[in-house]
Amino acid sequence: MAVDQTRASYYQASRNDETRHPSLAGDITADVVVVGAGYTGLSSALELAEAGYDVVVVEAETVGYGASGRNGGHVCPDYNKSMTALQKELGSELAQIAWQLGNEAPKLVGERVEKYAIDCDLKWGYLHAADKKSHIRDLTDYAAEASAWGYDGMCMLSRDDLRARVGTARYHGALEDPRGGHLHPLNFCLGLARAACAAGARIFEHSRVLKLETGERAARPQVTTADGSVTADFMVLAGNAYLQETAPFLYRRLMPVGSYIVATEPLGDNMARELIRDDDAVVTMNHIVDYYRLSGDKRMVYGGRATYSGIEPADLPGFVRPRMTNVFPQLGEARIDYAWGGNIGITVDRMPHVGRMGSRCYFSQGYSGHGLALSNLCGKLLAEAIRGQNERYDALAAVRHPIFPGGRFRTPLLSLGMMWFRLRDALA
């Protein structure tokens, strides 16, 4: 069993809301039951509750326990797949809707932070850094594709331009994208929960679902926990990588991947400015990316390396720190105050898996590293679909998602495949 690193999380130590919710006791009914109190589930609950629906959210642990409260805090624009590939699959009309949704996702984060006065250290500015010379062409192509679809806000930075903004000589240049940014992910999640509750949603923590009836064989969807049940007209499955095998159909199309982060001691204004002058979020272009940013109190929050084996490293600081100091030798003596990990969900084609089982059970999962913004948006799309507004939902639901090959051997097969990508990343 993997070690739970949540207690070592900087986000848990700096959370600004200690609200606790009761566990489910007894049998209740609702218009909608949502499984999972992360971004997807809370976004759906918020939209539906504000529209007048009676919404119940059941969470196995606590609000933001999964990836929503552990991620790197990067507000990523777009998808982890090119629009050229999406257009080939979906056709021009649905691809145009998908493009608009990818643009809307980070904006929705900003709108909700402002509307609900969520204190989460939101900052705008995003840099895609080129580890290799070949990445410059990749970034140029990405900017050209965005321009062809109507967005001209990206800007290529030379090696010298980037060196003036990020305190490392490692990169060959970068692509700046003002649409992206970063925030405190757990505090954002807690803010969504507050807003949903204020709109009338009920959240039950420590209420693990033991039995799931999606409505395909019964009159109404129902979830059963150790001490109660919820029967509803509609269901939203929003557990992503933490849903595990509760829903086999979804599990076969999702792979949990371990992602790990460290946070240094507070570095002070001068060192923070030396490392990331303009307080941007930075992500690299390798297959196995490094991603980092400054926290609100000027810590370096650095994520790098990933595990595909399901086995969590015993020494997380020792696992991640070499990646950080390779980029920033200045941090060689910096104290690591926090180190933690968690699972993200990836799909075969790295696109969000949005859909429906039967006529009453909706789901969204597999954001493949772009989850902060996309899960928030996809939760809204599920709520729109439940309300009968299907056009935007249909665009993402049209993406086909194959099963991960290998059956019970899929995890070791993926691990072997990622070893090849690590080797490619290491080659100049």
Protein backbone atom coordinates (compact mmCIF):
# COMPACT_ATOMS: atom_id res chain seq x y z
CA MET A 1 0.00 0.00 0.00
CA ALA A 2 1.30 3.45 -0.89
CA VAL A 3 2.23 5.77 1.94
CA ASP A 4 -0.22 8.64 2.42
CA GLN A 5 1.83 11.80 2.00
CA THR A 6 -1.06 14.23 2.56
CA ARG A 7 0.05 15.22 6.06
CA ALA A 8 3.36 16.44 4.63
CA SER A 9 1.61 18.70 2.11
CA TYR A 10 2.33 22.43 2.10
CA TYR A 11 -1.24 22.94 0.99
CA GLN A 12 -2.65 21.21 4.05
CA ALA A 13 -0.34 23.25 6.29
CA SER A 14 -1.45 26.53 4.68
CA ARG A 15 -5.16 25.86 4.12
CA ASN A 16 -7.36 28.80 5.05
CA ASP A 17 -10.61 26.97 5.80
CA GLU A 18 -10.98 24.29 8.47
CA THR A 19 -14.64 23.56 7.73
CA ARG A 20 -15.54 19.91 8.26
CA HIS A 21 -18.60 18.20 6.87
CA PRO A 22 -20.55 15.35 8.48
CA SER A 23 -20.51 11.79 7.25
CA LEU A 24 -23.61 10.37 5.62
CA ALA A 25 -25.99 8.69 8.04
CA GLY A 26 -29.34 7.30 6.97
CA ASP A 27 -31.13 7.06 3.65
CA ILE A 28 -31.78 10.34 1.84
CA THR A 29 -32.94 11.51 -1.58
CA ALA A 30 -31.81 14.32 -3.84
CA ASP A 31 -32.12 15.57 -7.38
CA VAL A 32 -28.44 14.88 -8.04
CA VAL A 33 -25.85 12.82 -6.17
CA VAL A 34 -22.21 13.67 -6.85
CA VAL A 35 -19.43 11.20 -6.01
CA GLY A 36 -16.22 13.06 -5.23
CA ALA A 37 -15.56 16.45 -3.62
CA GLY A 38 -12.78 17.66 -5.89
CA TYR A 39 -12.92 20.24 -8.67
CA THR A 40 -15.14 18.23 -11.02
CA GLY A 41 -17.71 17.27 -8.40
CA LEU A 42 -17.80 20.64 -6.65
CA SER A 43 -18.05 22.50 -9.95
CA SER A 44 -21.05 20.39 -10.95
CA ALA A 45 -22.60 20.78 -7.50
CA LEU A 46 -22.14 24.54 -7.53
CA GLU A 47 -23.72 25.00 -10.96
CA LEU A 48 -26.66 22.72 -10.19
CA ALA A 49 -27.32 24.09 -6.71
CA GLU A 50 -27.36 27.64 -8.06
CA ALA A 51 -29.89 26.46 -10.67
CA GLY A 52 -32.18 25.23 -7.89
CA TYR A 53 -31.34 21.52 -7.82
CA ASP A 54 -31.11 19.61 -4.55
CA VAL A 55 -27.52 18.32 -4.67
CA VAL A 56 -25.71 15.89 -2.37
CA VAL A 57 -21.95 15.35 -2.61
CA VAL A 58 -20.42 12.22 -1.05
CA GLU A 59 -16.67 12.08 -0.50
CA ALA A 60 -14.66 9.09 0.72
CA GLU A 61 -12.18 11.29 2.59
CA THR A 62 -12.33 15.10 2.83
CA VAL A 63 -12.89 17.97 0.41
CA GLY A 64 -9.87 18.24 -1.88
CA TYR A 65 -8.28 15.02 -0.59
CA GLY A 66 -7.33 13.79 -4.06
CA ALA A 67 -5.56 15.54 -6.92
CA SER A 68 -7.61 18.71 -6.43
CA GLY A 69 -5.85 19.36 -3.14
CA ARG A 70 -2.40 18.03 -4.02
CA ASN A 71 -1.56 19.19 -7.56
CA GLY A 72 1.09 21.64 -8.68
CA GLY A 73 -1.33 24.56 -8.77
CA HIS A 74 -0.83 25.28 -12.49
CA VAL A 75 -3.78 26.75 -14.37
CA CYS A 76 -3.01 25.23 -17.79
CA PRO A 77 -4.66 26.49 -20.98
CA ASP A 78 -5.81 24.11 -23.72
CA TYR A 79 -5.57 20.32 -23.79
CA ASN A 80 -2.74 17.81 -23.72
CA LYS A 81 -3.51 17.08 -27.38
CA SER A 82 -3.21 19.26 -30.46
CA MET A 83 -6.20 20.91 -32.09
CA THR A 84 -5.04 19.47 -35.42
CA ALA A 85 -5.52 15.96 -34.05
CA LEU A 86 -8.84 16.89 -32.47
CA GLN A 87 -10.16 18.35 -35.70
CA LYS A 88 -9.33 15.15 -37.55
CA GLU A 89 -11.27 13.16 -34.98
CA LEU A 90 -14.22 15.45 -34.31
CA GLY A 91 -14.65 17.46 -37.50
CA SER A 92 -14.56 21.23 -37.76
CA GLU A 93 -17.80 22.09 -35.96
CA LEU A 94 -17.21 20.07 -32.78
CA ALA A 95 -13.50 20.95 -32.82
CA GLN A 96 -14.39 24.64 -32.80
CA ILE A 97 -16.52 24.11 -29.68
CA ALA A 98 -13.70 22.11 -28.09
CA TRP A 99 -11.25 24.93 -28.84
CA GLN A 100 -13.55 27.47 -27.22
CA LEU A 101 -13.86 25.25 -24.15
CA GLY A 102 -10.08 24.94 -23.85
CA ASN A 103 -9.86 28.73 -23.86
CA GLU A 104 -12.71 29.11 -21.41
CA ALA A 105 -11.25 26.75 -18.81
CA PRO A 106 -8.63 29.08 -17.27
CA LYS A 107 -11.00 32.05 -17.57
CA LEU A 108 -13.61 30.16 -15.56
CA VAL A 109 -11.07 29.65 -12.77
CA GLY A 110 -10.45 33.40 -12.64
CA GLU A 111 -14.15 34.22 -12.79
CA ARG A 112 -14.95 31.92 -9.88
CA VAL A 113 -12.06 33.21 -7.78
CA GLU A 114 -13.44 36.73 -8.24
CA LYS A 115 -17.16 35.92 -7.97
CA TYR A 116 -16.86 33.87 -4.78
CA ALA A 117 -13.95 35.86 -3.27
CA ILE A 118 -11.75 32.74 -3.04
CA ASP A 119 -8.44 33.52 -1.33
CA CYS A 120 -6.03 31.25 -3.21
CA ASP A 121 -3.07 33.41 -4.36
CA LEU A 122 -4.10 33.42 -8.03
CA LYS A 123 -1.40 34.83 -10.34
CA TRP A 124 -1.43 34.96 -14.15
CA GLY A 125 1.51 34.15 -16.42
CA TYR A 126 2.64 30.84 -17.91
CA LEU A 127 5.89 29.75 -19.55
CA HIS A 128 6.48 26.60 -21.62
CA ALA A 129 10.26 26.10 -21.37
CA ALA A 130 12.30 24.38 -24.07
CA ASP A 131 14.66 21.78 -22.58
CA LYS A 132 16.06 20.99 -26.03
CA LYS A 133 16.64 22.96 -29.22
CA SER A 134 14.05 20.79 -30.94
CA HIS A 135 11.44 22.03 -28.51
CA ILE A 136 11.69 25.53 -30.02
CA ARG A 137 10.10 24.20 -33.19
CA ASP A 138 7.42 22.41 -31.16
CA LEU A 139 6.59 25.63 -29.32
CA THR A 140 6.57 27.68 -32.53
CA ASP A 141 4.14 25.18 -34.04
CA TYR A 142 1.94 25.34 -30.94
CA ALA A 143 1.78 29.14 -31.13
CA ALA A 144 1.03 29.00 -34.87
CA GLU A 145 -1.79 26.51 -34.28
CA ALA A 146 -3.31 28.73 -31.59
CA SER A 147 -3.10 31.70 -33.93
CA ALA A 148 -4.86 29.75 -36.67
CA TRP A 149 -7.68 29.05 -34.23
CA GLY A 150 -7.94 32.71 -33.23
CA TYR A 151 -5.56 33.31 -30.33
CA ASP A 152 -2.51 35.55 -30.93
CA GLY A 153 -1.52 36.26 -27.34
CA MET A 154 1.45 33.88 -27.15
CA CYS A 155 5.01 35.18 -27.41
CA MET A 156 8.27 33.33 -28.09
CA LEU A 157 11.13 34.19 -25.74
CA SER A 158 14.76 33.73 -26.74
CA ARG A 159 17.26 32.06 -24.44
CA ASP A 160 18.46 35.49 -23.25
CA ASP A 161 14.92 36.79 -22.80
CA LEU A 162 14.04 33.78 -20.69
CA ARG A 163 17.28 33.93 -18.72
CA ALA A 164 16.29 37.43 -17.60
CA ARG A 165 13.00 36.07 -16.23
CA VAL A 166 13.91 32.61 -14.92
CA GLY A 167 17.15 32.15 -13.01
CA THR A 168 18.57 29.19 -14.88
CA ALA A 169 20.71 28.67 -17.96
CA ARG A 170 19.13 25.28 -18.66
CA TYR A 171 16.59 26.25 -21.33
CA HIS A 172 16.87 27.23 -24.99
CA GLY A 173 13.87 29.56 -24.86
CA ALA A 174 10.21 29.51 -23.96
CA LEU A 175 6.70 30.26 -25.10
CA GLU A 176 4.82 32.75 -22.94
CA ASP A 177 1.05 32.28 -22.61
CA PRO A 178 -0.80 34.92 -20.56
CA ARG A 179 -3.91 32.72 -20.39
CA GLY A 180 -2.29 30.40 -17.84
CA GLY A 181 -1.26 30.98 -14.26
CA HIS A 182 -1.04 29.40 -10.83
CA LEU A 183 -2.78 29.30 -7.46
CA HIS A 184 -3.06 27.46 -4.14
CA PRO A 185 -5.05 24.42 -5.34
CA LEU A 186 -6.49 23.26 -2.02
CA ASN A 187 -7.69 26.73 -1.03
CA PHE A 188 -9.33 27.07 -4.44
CA CYS A 189 -11.07 23.72 -3.89
CA LEU A 190 -12.21 24.73 -0.41
CA GLY A 191 -13.56 27.95 -1.88
CA LEU A 192 -15.63 26.01 -4.40
CA ALA A 193 -17.00 23.88 -1.56
CA ARG A 194 -18.01 26.98 0.40
CA ALA A 195 -19.75 28.43 -2.65
CA ALA A 196 -21.59 25.17 -3.34
CA CYS A 197 -22.77 24.91 0.25
CA ALA A 198 -23.87 28.55 0.22
CA ALA A 199 -25.98 27.70 -2.84
CA GLY A 200 -27.63 24.83 -0.95
CA ALA A 201 -25.54 21.76 -1.76
CA ARG A 202 -24.91 19.23 1.02
CA ILE A 203 -21.46 17.70 1.37
CA PHE A 204 -20.77 14.50 3.29
CA GLU A 205 -17.16 13.63 4.06
CA HIS A 206 -15.74 10.27 5.21
CA SER A 207 -18.54 8.61 3.25
CA ARG A 208 -16.91 6.09 0.97
CA VAL A 209 -19.19 4.59 -1.66
CA LEU A 210 -19.42 0.84 -1.20
CA LYS A 211 -22.09 0.16 -3.80
CA LEU A 212 -22.90 2.11 -6.93
CA GLU A 213 -26.09 1.82 -8.96
CA THR A 214 -25.86 4.12 -11.97
CA GLY A 215 -29.51 3.79 -12.94
CA GLU A 216 -28.91 1.46 -15.88
CA ARG A 217 -30.62 -1.44 -14.09
CA ALA A 218 -32.66 0.47 -11.52
CA ALA A 219 -35.25 3.19 -11.70
CA ARG A 220 -32.96 5.82 -10.13
CA PRO A 221 -29.23 6.09 -9.46
CA GLN A 222 -28.15 5.27 -5.92
CA VAL A 223 -24.96 5.25 -3.86
CA THR A 224 -24.59 3.24 -0.68
CA THR A 225 -22.05 3.95 2.06
CA ALA A 226 -21.36 2.16 5.34
CA ASP A 227 -24.00 4.17 7.18
CA GLY A 228 -26.46 5.39 4.59
CA SER A 229 -27.51 5.85 1.00
CA VAL A 230 -28.46 8.57 -1.46
CA THR A 231 -31.07 7.98 -4.16
CA ALA A 232 -31.30 10.64 -6.86
CA ASP A 233 -32.63 11.45 -10.30
CA PHE A 234 -29.11 11.96 -11.67
CA MET A 235 -25.59 10.96 -10.70
CA VAL A 236 -22.20 12.57 -11.34
CA LEU A 237 -19.09 10.41 -10.98
CA ALA A 238 -16.19 12.74 -10.21
CA GLY A 239 -13.60 10.62 -8.41
CA ASN A 240 -11.07 10.59 -11.28
CA ALA A 241 -7.96 8.57 -10.29
CA TYR A 242 -9.32 8.02 -6.78
CA LEU A 243 -12.52 6.32 -7.95
CA GLN A 244 -10.41 3.21 -8.58
CA GLU A 245 -12.48 0.15 -9.52
CA THR A 246 -15.78 1.47 -8.14
CA ALA A 247 -16.85 1.96 -11.76
CA PRO A 248 -15.09 -0.69 -13.94
CA PHE A 249 -16.07 0.97 -17.23
CA LEU A 250 -14.21 4.13 -16.21
CA TYR A 251 -11.31 2.33 -14.54
CA ARG A 252 -10.37 0.49 -17.75
CA ARG A 253 -10.03 3.84 -19.56
CA LEU A 254 -8.00 5.62 -16.87
CA MET A 255 -4.49 5.10 -15.53
CA PRO A 256 -3.50 6.53 -12.12
CA VAL A 257 -0.03 8.10 -12.28
CA GLY A 258 1.92 9.18 -9.21
CA SER A 259 3.05 12.82 -9.21
CA TYR A 260 5.34 14.30 -6.55
CA ILE A 261 6.09 17.82 -5.30
CA VAL A 262 8.36 19.54 -2.82
CA ALA A 263 8.09 22.99 -1.25
CA THR A 264 11.18 24.76 0.05
CA GLU A 265 11.47 27.06 3.01
CA PRO A 266 10.35 30.67 2.32
CA LEU A 267 13.07 32.16 0.12
CA GLY A 268 12.48 35.87 0.60
CA ASP A 269 11.68 38.48 -2.03
CA ASN A 270 15.19 38.80 -3.50
CA MET A 271 15.79 35.08 -4.06
CA ALA A 272 12.24 34.56 -5.32
CA ARG A 273 12.70 37.33 -7.88
CA GLU A 274 16.03 35.86 -8.95
CA LEU A 275 14.41 32.49 -9.59
CA ILE A 276 11.16 33.58 -11.30
CA ARG A 277 11.23 37.33 -11.81
CA ASP A 278 7.61 37.81 -12.85
CA ASP A 279 6.04 35.09 -10.70
CA ASP A 280 5.05 32.93 -13.67
CA ALA A 281 4.26 29.24 -13.60
CA VAL A 282 6.82 27.25 -15.59
CA VAL A 283 6.48 23.84 -17.23
CA THR A 284 9.01 22.01 -19.39
CA MET A 285 8.50 20.34 -22.74
CA ASN A 286 9.88 16.87 -22.00
CA HIS A 287 7.59 13.85 -22.09
CA ILE A 288 7.96 13.61 -18.31
CA VAL A 289 7.68 17.24 -17.35
CA ASP A 290 9.02 19.38 -14.54
CA TYR A 291 6.63 22.06 -13.34
CA TYR A 292 7.23 24.74 -10.78
CA ARG A 293 6.15 28.10 -9.40
CA LEU A 294 6.44 30.32 -6.34
CA SER A 295 3.91 30.07 -3.55
CA GLY A 296 2.23 33.08 -2.00
CA ASP A 297 4.85 33.12 0.77
CA LYS A 298 7.77 32.83 -1.68
CA ARG A 299 8.56 29.12 -1.50
CA MET A 300 9.64 27.19 -4.54
CA VAL A 301 6.92 24.62 -5.22
CA TYR A 302 8.59 22.13 -7.56
CA GLY A 303 7.09 19.06 -9.17
CA GLY A 304 9.10 16.65 -11.22
CA ARG A 305 9.39 12.95 -11.86
CA ALA A 306 6.44 10.62 -11.88
CA THR A 307 5.80 6.95 -11.18
CA TYR A 308 3.72 4.65 -13.34
CA SER A 309 4.24 1.53 -11.26
CA GLY A 310 1.78 2.34 -8.47
CA ILE A 311 4.66 2.27 -5.97
CA GLU A 312 5.31 5.52 -4.13
CA PRO A 313 8.94 6.48 -3.42
CA ALA A 314 9.88 6.19 0.25
CA ASP A 315 12.01 9.36 0.18
CA LEU A 316 10.06 12.02 -1.66
CA PRO A 317 12.49 14.91 -0.97
CA GLY A 318 15.34 12.78 -2.28
CA PHE A 319 13.22 11.76 -5.28
CA VAL A 320 12.36 15.31 -6.42
CA ARG A 321 15.15 17.53 -5.07
CA PRO A 322 17.79 16.57 -7.69
CA ARG A 323 15.42 17.71 -10.44
CA MET A 324 15.00 21.07 -8.74
CA THR A 325 18.67 21.71 -8.04
CA ASN A 326 19.62 20.67 -11.56
CA VAL A 327 17.53 23.61 -12.77
CA PHE A 328 18.28 25.92 -9.86
CA PRO A 329 21.70 25.25 -8.30
CA GLN A 330 20.97 28.31 -6.12
CA LEU A 331 18.62 26.09 -4.12
CA GLY A 332 21.30 23.56 -3.26
CA GLU A 333 21.26 24.59 0.39
CA ALA A 334 17.57 25.45 0.60
CA ARG A 335 15.64 23.48 3.20
CA ILE A 336 12.78 21.28 1.98
CA ASP A 337 9.90 21.94 4.36
CA TYR A 338 7.25 19.80 2.67
CA ALA A 339 7.12 16.86 0.27
CA TRP A 340 3.99 15.07 -0.85
CA GLY A 341 2.49 13.04 -3.64
CA GLY A 342 -0.76 11.90 -5.15
CA ASN A 343 -2.32 10.38 -8.25
CA ILE A 344 -3.44 12.12 -11.40
CA GLY A 345 -5.52 10.34 -14.01
CA ILE A 346 -4.39 9.97 -17.62
CA THR A 347 -6.22 8.59 -20.64
CA VAL A 348 -4.72 6.81 -23.63
CA ASP A 349 -5.09 9.89 -25.86
CA ARG A 350 -4.52 12.40 -23.02
CA MET A 351 -7.93 14.05 -23.54
CA PRO A 352 -10.53 14.39 -20.77
CA HIS A 353 -12.94 11.46 -20.74
CA VAL A 354 -16.42 12.97 -20.56
CA GLY A 355 -19.57 10.94 -20.99
CA ARG A 356 -22.62 9.15 -19.65
CA MET A 357 -23.48 5.64 -18.52
CA GLY A 358 -27.11 5.01 -19.25
CA SER A 359 -29.33 8.08 -19.32
CA ARG A 360 -28.82 9.40 -15.76
CA CYS A 361 -25.17 8.90 -14.77
CA TYR A 362 -22.63 11.45 -16.03
CA PHE A 363 -18.87 11.38 -15.52
CA SER A 364 -15.65 13.22 -16.27
CA GLN A 365 -12.08 12.06 -15.64
CA GLY A 366 -8.57 11.74 -17.07
CA TYR A 367 -7.37 15.34 -17.39
CA SER A 368 -3.82 14.15 -18.04
CA GLY A 369 -1.93 16.93 -16.29
CA HIS A 370 -4.28 19.79 -17.22
CA GLY A 371 -6.78 19.06 -14.50
CA LEU A 372 -7.03 22.26 -12.49
CA ALA A 373 -8.72 24.26 -15.23
CA LEU A 374 -10.27 21.44 -17.27
CA SER A 375 -11.90 19.61 -14.35
CA ASN A 376 -13.47 22.87 -13.18
CA LEU A 377 -14.85 23.40 -16.69
CA CYS A 378 -15.93 19.78 -17.24
CA GLY A 379 -17.88 19.82 -13.99
CA LYS A 380 -19.80 22.76 -15.39
CA LEU A 381 -20.43 20.87 -18.65
CA LEU A 382 -21.90 17.91 -16.75
CA ALA A 383 -24.23 20.29 -14.94
CA GLU A 384 -25.26 21.81 -18.28
CA ALA A 385 -26.02 18.34 -19.66
CA ILE A 386 -28.15 17.41 -16.65
CA ARG A 387 -30.08 20.63 -17.22
CA GLY A 388 -30.65 19.61 -20.86
CA GLN A 389 -28.05 21.92 -22.42
CA ASN A 390 -25.97 19.41 -24.34
CA GLU A 391 -24.14 21.25 -27.13
CA ARG A 392 -20.88 21.93 -25.28
CA TYR A 393 -20.96 18.64 -23.39
CA ASP A 394 -21.49 16.74 -26.66
CA ALA A 395 -18.28 18.15 -28.15
CA LEU A 396 -16.05 16.56 -25.51
CA ALA A 397 -18.25 13.48 -25.13
CA ALA A 398 -17.62 12.77 -28.83
CA VAL A 399 -13.93 12.08 -28.18
CA ARG A 400 -13.35 8.33 -28.33
CA HIS A 401 -11.44 6.79 -25.42
CA PRO A 402 -9.89 3.35 -25.88
CA ILE A 403 -9.23 0.95 -23.04
CA PHE A 404 -5.65 0.82 -21.76
CA PRO A 405 -4.08 -2.29 -23.29
CA GLY A 406 -2.70 -5.09 -21.17
CA GLY A 407 -5.59 -5.86 -18.84
CA ARG A 408 -4.21 -6.60 -15.38
CA PHE A 409 -0.70 -6.13 -16.82
CA ARG A 410 -1.39 -2.58 -18.00
CA THR A 411 0.58 -0.95 -15.16
CA PRO A 412 3.91 -2.75 -15.84
CA LEU A 413 3.43 -2.24 -19.57
CA LEU A 414 2.95 1.50 -19.08
CA SER A 415 5.98 1.63 -16.79
CA LEU A 416 8.11 0.02 -19.49
CA GLY A 417 6.79 2.48 -22.05
CA MET A 418 7.62 5.46 -19.86
CA MET A 419 11.16 4.17 -19.39
CA TRP A 420 11.58 4.71 -23.12
CA PHE A 421 10.28 8.28 -22.85
CA ARG A 422 12.66 8.97 -19.95
CA LEU A 423 15.50 7.82 -22.18
CA ARG A 424 14.32 10.11 -24.98
CA ASP A 425 14.11 13.04 -22.54
CA ALA A 426 17.69 12.40 -21.47
CA LEU A 427 19.03 12.54 -25.02
CA ALA A 428 20.14 15.98 -26.21
